[in-house]
Amino acid sequence: MKNDVKERRAVRGLSQGELAAAVDVSRQTINSIEKGRYTPSLPLALALARFFDSTVEEMFDDQSD
């Protein structure tokens, strides 16, 4: 699943660890989401969207190009 978590995190100047702490997951989880190796659960996707003042649909794209 494509996402723009890494780009949004970079804009805010956050490390993976800082973002992980903000949404109560491990840094490894954030790394896996950013690399597209892990699709977050709905509660985690919602937490990330809320953190970035966005919607899940804006942040995550399940469409294949």
PDB file of N, CA and C in Angstrom:
ATOM      1  N   MET A   1       0.843  -1.177   0.000  1.00  0.00           N
ATOM      2  CA  MET A   1       0.000   0.000   0.000  1.00  0.00           C
ATOM      3  C   MET A   1       0.889   1.241   0.000  1.00  0.00           C
ATOM      4  N   LYS A   2       0.648   2.115  -0.933  1.00  0.00           N
ATOM      5  CA  LYS A   2       1.405   3.368  -1.008  1.00  0.00           C
ATOM      6  C   LYS A   2       0.911   4.329   0.065  1.00  0.00           C
ATOM      7  N   ASN A   3       1.835   5.141   0.563  1.00  0.00           N
ATOM      8  CA  ASN A   3       1.457   6.152   1.547  1.00  0.00           C
ATOM      9  C   ASN A   3       2.476   7.284   1.500  1.00  0.00           C
ATOM     10  N   ASP A   4       2.120   8.384   2.150  1.00  0.00           N
ATOM     11  CA  ASP A   4       3.036   9.530   2.180  1.00  0.00           C
ATOM     12  C   ASP A   4       3.449   9.883   3.610  1.00  0.00           C
ATOM     13  N   VAL A   5       3.496   8.867   4.456  1.00  0.00           N
ATOM     14  CA  VAL A   5       3.878   9.082   5.855  1.00  0.00           C
ATOM     15  C   VAL A   5       5.282   9.673   5.944  1.00  0.00           C
ATOM     16  N   LYS A   6       6.223   9.126   5.195  1.00  0.00           N
ATOM     17  CA  LYS A   6       7.604   9.611   5.260  1.00  0.00           C
ATOM     18  C   LYS A   6       7.692  11.084   4.874  1.00  0.00           C
ATOM     19  N   GLU A   7       7.006  11.453   3.802  1.00  0.00           N
ATOM     20  CA  GLU A   7       7.042  12.849   3.344  1.00  0.00           C
ATOM     21  C   GLU A   7       6.423  13.781   4.383  1.00  0.00           C
ATOM     22  N   ARG A   8       5.279  13.378   4.940  1.00  0.00           N
ATOM     23  CA  ARG A   8       4.625  14.214   5.952  1.00  0.00           C
ATOM     24  C   ARG A   8       5.488  14.337   7.210  1.00  0.00           C
ATOM     25  N   ARG A   9       6.128  13.247   7.580  1.00  0.00           N
ATOM     26  CA  ARG A   9       7.003  13.255   8.751  1.00  0.00           C
ATOM     27  C   ARG A   9       8.178  14.196   8.513  1.00  0.00           C
ATOM     28  N   ALA A  10       8.767  14.135   7.321  1.00  0.00           N
ATOM     29  CA  ALA A  10       9.914  14.978   6.986  1.00  0.00           C
ATOM     30  C   ALA A  10       9.547  16.456   7.004  1.00  0.00           C
ATOM     31  N   VAL A  11       8.377  16.781   6.496  1.00  0.00           N
ATOM     32  CA  VAL A  11       7.927  18.180   6.483  1.00  0.00           C
ATOM     33  C   VAL A  11       7.864  18.737   7.904  1.00  0.00           C
ATOM     34  N   ARG A  12       7.461  17.901   8.823  1.00  0.00           N
ATOM     35  CA  ARG A  12       7.373  18.334  10.225  1.00  0.00           C
ATOM     36  C   ARG A  12       8.705  18.227  10.969  1.00  0.00           C
ATOM     37  N   GLY A  13       9.712  17.694  10.309  1.00  0.00           N
ATOM     38  CA  GLY A  13      11.019  17.578  10.936  1.00  0.00           C
ATOM     39  C   GLY A  13      11.074  16.552  12.052  1.00  0.00           C
ATOM     40  N   LEU A  14      10.283  15.504  11.925  1.00  0.00           N
ATOM     41  CA  LEU A  14      10.228  14.472  12.954  1.00  0.00           C
ATOM     42  C   LEU A  14      11.063  13.263  12.577  1.00  0.00           C
ATOM     43  N   SER A  15      11.639  12.627  13.574  1.00  0.00           N
ATOM     44  CA  SER A  15      12.295  11.343  13.344  1.00  0.00           C
ATOM     45  C   SER A  15      11.229  10.252  13.375  1.00  0.00           C
ATOM     46  N   GLN A  16      11.592   9.076  12.906  1.00  0.00           N
ATOM     47  CA  GLN A  16      10.664   7.958  12.985  1.00  0.00           C
ATOM     48  C   GLN A  16      10.304   7.674  14.442  1.00  0.00           C
ATOM     49  N   GLY A  17      11.270   7.781  15.319  1.00  0.00           N
ATOM     50  CA  GLY A  17      11.026   7.536  16.737  1.00  0.00           C
ATOM     51  C   GLY A  17      10.056   8.526  17.350  1.00  0.00           C
ATOM     52  N   GLU A  18      10.190   9.791  16.958  1.00  0.00           N
ATOM     53  CA  GLU A  18       9.276  10.812  17.481  1.00  0.00           C
ATOM     54  C   GLU A  18       7.847  10.566  17.008  1.00  0.00           C
ATOM     55  N   LEU A  19       7.689  10.222  15.730  1.00  0.00           N
ATOM     56  CA  LEU A  19       6.354   9.924  15.220  1.00  0.00           C
ATOM     57  C   LEU A  19       5.799   8.681  15.899  1.00  0.00           C
ATOM     58  N   ALA A  20       6.637   7.670  16.057  1.00  0.00           N
ATOM     59  CA  ALA A  20       6.203   6.433  16.713  1.00  0.00           C
ATOM     60  C   ALA A  20       5.701   6.716  18.122  1.00  0.00           C
ATOM     61  N   ALA A  21       6.414   7.524  18.864  1.00  0.00           N
ATOM     62  CA  ALA A  21       6.006   7.861  20.226  1.00  0.00           C
ATOM     63  C   ALA A  21       4.678   8.608  20.224  1.00  0.00           C
ATOM     64  N   ALA A  22       4.490   9.475  19.239  1.00  0.00           N
ATOM     65  CA  ALA A  22       3.259  10.275  19.170  1.00  0.00           C
ATOM     66  C   ALA A  22       2.023   9.422  18.908  1.00  0.00           C
ATOM     67  N   VAL A  23       2.198   8.317  18.186  1.00  0.00           N
ATOM     68  CA  VAL A  23       1.046   7.457  17.877  1.00  0.00           C
ATOM     69  C   VAL A  23       1.122   6.113  18.608  1.00  0.00           C
ATOM     70  N   ASP A  24       2.071   5.996  19.543  1.00  0.00           N
ATOM     71  CA  ASP A  24       2.178   4.851  20.444  1.00  0.00           C
ATOM     72  C   ASP A  24       2.451   3.524  19.737  1.00  0.00           C
ATOM     73  N   VAL A  25       3.433   3.547  18.844  1.00  0.00           N
ATOM     74  CA  VAL A  25       3.909   2.317  18.197  1.00  0.00           C
ATOM     75  C   VAL A  25       5.442   2.347  18.221  1.00  0.00           C
ATOM     76  N   SER A  26       6.065   1.287  17.725  1.00  0.00           N
ATOM     77  CA  SER A  26       7.530   1.252  17.685  1.00  0.00           C
ATOM     78  C   SER A  26       8.060   1.995  16.461  1.00  0.00           C
ATOM     79  N   ARG A  27       9.321   2.385  16.537  1.00  0.00           N
ATOM     80  CA  ARG A  27       9.962   3.023  15.394  1.00  0.00           C
ATOM     81  C   ARG A  27       9.996   2.065  14.212  1.00  0.00           C
ATOM     82  N   GLN A  28      10.162   0.784  14.502  1.00  0.00           N
ATOM     83  CA  GLN A  28      10.193  -0.222  13.445  1.00  0.00           C
ATOM     84  C   GLN A  28       8.862  -0.294  12.701  1.00  0.00           C
ATOM     85  N   THR A  29       7.765  -0.089  13.415  1.00  0.00           N
ATOM     86  CA  THR A  29       6.455  -0.076  12.770  1.00  0.00           C
ATOM     87  C   THR A  29       6.355   1.081  11.787  1.00  0.00           C
ATOM     88  N   ILE A  30       6.802   2.262  12.203  1.00  0.00           N
ATOM     89  CA  ILE A  30       6.781   3.424  11.304  1.00  0.00           C
ATOM     90  C   ILE A  30       7.661   3.163  10.098  1.00  0.00           C
ATOM     91  N   ASN A  31       8.844   2.597  10.314  1.00  0.00           N
ATOM     92  CA  ASN A  31       9.749   2.280   9.216  1.00  0.00           C
ATOM     93  C   ASN A  31       9.073   1.331   8.225  1.00  0.00           C
ATOM     94  N   SER A  32       8.413   0.308   8.725  1.00  0.00           N
ATOM     95  CA  SER A  32       7.752  -0.674   7.851  1.00  0.00           C
ATOM     96  C   SER A  32       6.588  -0.056   7.082  1.00  0.00           C
ATOM     97  N   ILE A  33       5.852   0.832   7.721  1.00  0.00           N
ATOM     98  CA  ILE A  33       4.751   1.521   7.025  1.00  0.00           C
ATOM     99  C   ILE A  33       5.320   2.385   5.903  1.00  0.00           C
ATOM    100  N   GLU A  34       6.358   3.160   6.222  1.00  0.00           N
ATOM    101  CA  GLU A  34       6.952   4.053   5.221  1.00  0.00           C
ATOM    102  C   GLU A  34       7.488   3.283   4.016  1.00  0.00           C
ATOM    103  N   LYS A  35       8.025   2.099   4.245  1.00  0.00           N
ATOM    104  CA  LYS A  35       8.582   1.300   3.154  1.00  0.00           C
ATOM    105  C   LYS A  35       7.535   0.448   2.447  1.00  0.00           C
ATOM    106  N   GLY A  36       6.286   0.519   2.902  1.00  0.00           N
ATOM    107  CA  GLY A  36       5.214  -0.230   2.258  1.00  0.00           C
ATOM    108  C   GLY A  36       5.219  -1.714   2.572  1.00  0.00           C
ATOM    109  N   ARG A  37       5.966  -2.108   3.600  1.00  0.00           N
ATOM    110  CA  ARG A  37       6.025  -3.525   3.979  1.00  0.00           C
ATOM    111  C   ARG A  37       4.934  -3.896   4.969  1.00  0.00           C
ATOM    112  N   TYR A  38       4.286  -2.905   5.553  1.00  0.00           N
ATOM    113  CA  TYR A  38       3.279  -3.145   6.583  1.00  0.00           C
ATOM    114  C   TYR A  38       2.105  -2.216   6.337  1.00  0.00           C
ATOM    115  N   THR A  39       0.919  -2.785   6.292  1.00  0.00           N
ATOM    116  CA  THR A  39      -0.306  -1.989   6.178  1.00  0.00           C
ATOM    117  C   THR A  39      -0.842  -1.795   7.588  1.00  0.00           C
ATOM    118  N   PRO A  40      -0.967  -0.550   8.021  1.00  0.00           N
ATOM    119  CA  PRO A  40      -1.397  -0.320   9.402  1.00  0.00           C
ATOM    120  C   PRO A  40      -2.847  -0.741   9.619  1.00  0.00           C
ATOM    121  N   SER A  41      -3.135  -1.086  10.861  1.00  0.00           N
ATOM    122  CA  SER A  41      -4.518  -1.368  11.244  1.00  0.00           C
ATOM    123  C   SER A  41      -5.333  -0.086  11.094  1.00  0.00           C
ATOM    124  N   LEU A  42      -6.633  -0.223  11.069  1.00  0.00           N
ATOM    125  CA  LEU A  42      -7.494   0.958  10.952  1.00  0.00           C
ATOM    126  C   LEU A  42      -7.267   1.928  12.109  1.00  0.00           C
ATOM    127  N   PRO A  43      -7.197   1.453  13.366  1.00  0.00           N
ATOM    128  CA  PRO A  43      -6.934   2.423  14.442  1.00  0.00           C
ATOM    129  C   PRO A  43      -5.603   3.170  14.278  1.00  0.00           C
ATOM    130  N   LEU A  44      -4.570   2.477  13.812  1.00  0.00           N
ATOM    131  CA  LEU A  44      -3.286   3.145  13.609  1.00  0.00           C
ATOM    132  C   LEU A  44      -3.352   4.105  12.429  1.00  0.00           C
ATOM    133  N   ALA A  45      -3.993   3.706  11.350  1.00  0.00           N
ATOM    134  CA  ALA A  45      -4.148   4.602  10.195  1.00  0.00           C
ATOM    135  C   ALA A  45      -4.907   5.862  10.599  1.00  0.00           C
ATOM    136  N   LEU A  46      -5.936   5.694  11.408  1.00  0.00           N
ATOM    137  CA  LEU A  46      -6.699   6.857  11.888  1.00  0.00           C
ATOM    138  C   LEU A  46      -5.839   7.741  12.788  1.00  0.00           C
ATOM    139  N   ALA A  47      -5.032   7.134  13.650  1.00  0.00           N
ATOM    140  CA  ALA A  47      -4.156   7.910  14.529  1.00  0.00           C
ATOM    141  C   ALA A  47      -3.151   8.715  13.716  1.00  0.00           C
ATOM    142  N   LEU A  48      -2.574   8.094  12.696  1.00  0.00           N
ATOM    143  CA  LEU A  48      -1.632   8.805  11.835  1.00  0.00           C
ATOM    144  C   LEU A  48      -2.328   9.945  11.093  1.00  0.00           C
ATOM    145  N   ALA A  49      -3.495   9.689  10.570  1.00  0.00           N
ATOM    146  CA  ALA A  49      -4.239  10.732   9.853  1.00  0.00           C
ATOM    147  C   ALA A  49      -4.575  11.894  10.784  1.00  0.00           C
ATOM    148  N   ARG A  50      -5.021  11.587  11.987  1.00  0.00           N
ATOM    149  CA  ARG A  50      -5.330  12.657  12.951  1.00  0.00           C
ATOM    150  C   ARG A  50      -4.071  13.444  13.290  1.00  0.00           C
ATOM    151  N   PHE A  51      -2.971  12.745  13.501  1.00  0.00           N
ATOM    152  CA  PHE A  51      -1.716  13.416  13.844  1.00  0.00           C
ATOM    153  C   PHE A  51      -1.314  14.405  12.765  1.00  0.00           C
ATOM    154  N   PHE A  52      -1.493  14.013  11.508  1.00  0.00           N
ATOM    155  CA  PHE A  52      -1.104  14.864  10.391  1.00  0.00           C
ATOM    156  C   PHE A  52      -2.251  15.741   9.879  1.00  0.00           C
ATOM    157  N   ASP A  53      -3.352  15.795  10.642  1.00  0.00           N
ATOM    158  CA  ASP A  53      -4.503  16.621  10.263  1.00  0.00           C
ATOM    159  C   ASP A  53      -4.930  16.319   8.834  1.00  0.00           C
ATOM    160  N   SER A  54      -5.145  15.045   8.576  1.00  0.00           N
ATOM    161  CA  SER A  54      -5.465  14.570   7.239  1.00  0.00           C
ATOM    162  C   SER A  54      -6.548  13.511   7.336  1.00  0.00           C
ATOM    163  N   THR A  55      -6.817  12.863   6.213  1.00  0.00           N
ATOM    164  CA  THR A  55      -7.729  11.729   6.206  1.00  0.00           C
ATOM    165  C   THR A  55      -6.941  10.484   5.830  1.00  0.00           C
ATOM    166  N   VAL A  56      -7.473   9.343   6.191  1.00  0.00           N
ATOM    167  CA  VAL A  56      -6.825   8.075   5.831  1.00  0.00           C
ATOM    168  C   VAL A  56      -6.719   7.981   4.314  1.00  0.00           C
ATOM    169  N   GLU A  57      -7.768   8.384   3.619  1.00  0.00           N
ATOM    170  CA  GLU A  57      -7.772   8.302   2.155  1.00  0.00           C
ATOM    171  C   GLU A  57      -6.704   9.174   1.517  1.00  0.00           C
ATOM    172  N   GLU A  58      -6.413  10.322   2.116  1.00  0.00           N
ATOM    173  CA  GLU A  58      -5.367  11.193   1.581  1.00  0.00           C
ATOM    174  C   GLU A  58      -3.971  10.624   1.828  1.00  0.00           C
ATOM    175  N   MET A  59      -3.806   9.893   2.906  1.00  0.00           N
ATOM    176  CA  MET A  59      -2.482   9.398   3.285  1.00  0.00           C
ATOM    177  C   MET A  59      -2.141   8.035   2.705  1.00  0.00           C
ATOM    178  N   PHE A  60      -3.156   7.199   2.512  1.00  0.00           N
ATOM    179  CA  PHE A  60      -2.923   5.823   2.077  1.00  0.00           C
ATOM    180  C   PHE A  60      -3.673   5.555   0.791  1.00  0.00           C
ATOM    181  N   ASP A  61      -2.976   4.914  -0.161  1.00  0.00           N
ATOM    182  CA  ASP A  61      -3.554   4.610  -1.477  1.00  0.00           C
ATOM    183  C   ASP A  61      -3.400   3.133  -1.756  1.00  0.00           C
ATOM    184  N   ASP A  62      -4.517   2.436  -1.884  1.00  0.00           N
ATOM    185  CA  ASP A  62      -4.457   1.004  -2.146  1.00  0.00           C
ATOM    186  C   ASP A  62      -4.576   0.690  -3.629  1.00  0.00           C
ATOM    187  N   GLN A  63      -4.536   1.700  -4.463  1.00  0.00           N
ATOM    188  CA  GLN A  63      -4.643   1.510  -5.913  1.00  0.00           C
ATOM    189  C   GLN A  63      -3.288   1.153  -6.499  1.00  0.00           C
ATOM    190  N   SER A  64      -3.284   0.208  -7.394  1.00  0.00           N
ATOM    191  CA  SER A  64      -2.060  -0.132  -8.119  1.00  0.00           C
ATOM    192  C   SER A  64      -1.915   0.784  -9.320  1.00  0.00           C
ATOM    193  N   ASP A  65      -0.699   1.200  -9.572  1.00  0.00           N
ATOM    194  CA  ASP A  65      -0.464   2.063 -10.747  1.00  0.00           C
ATOM    195  C   ASP A  65      -0.196   1.242 -11.981  1.00  0.00           C
TER     196      ASP A  65
END
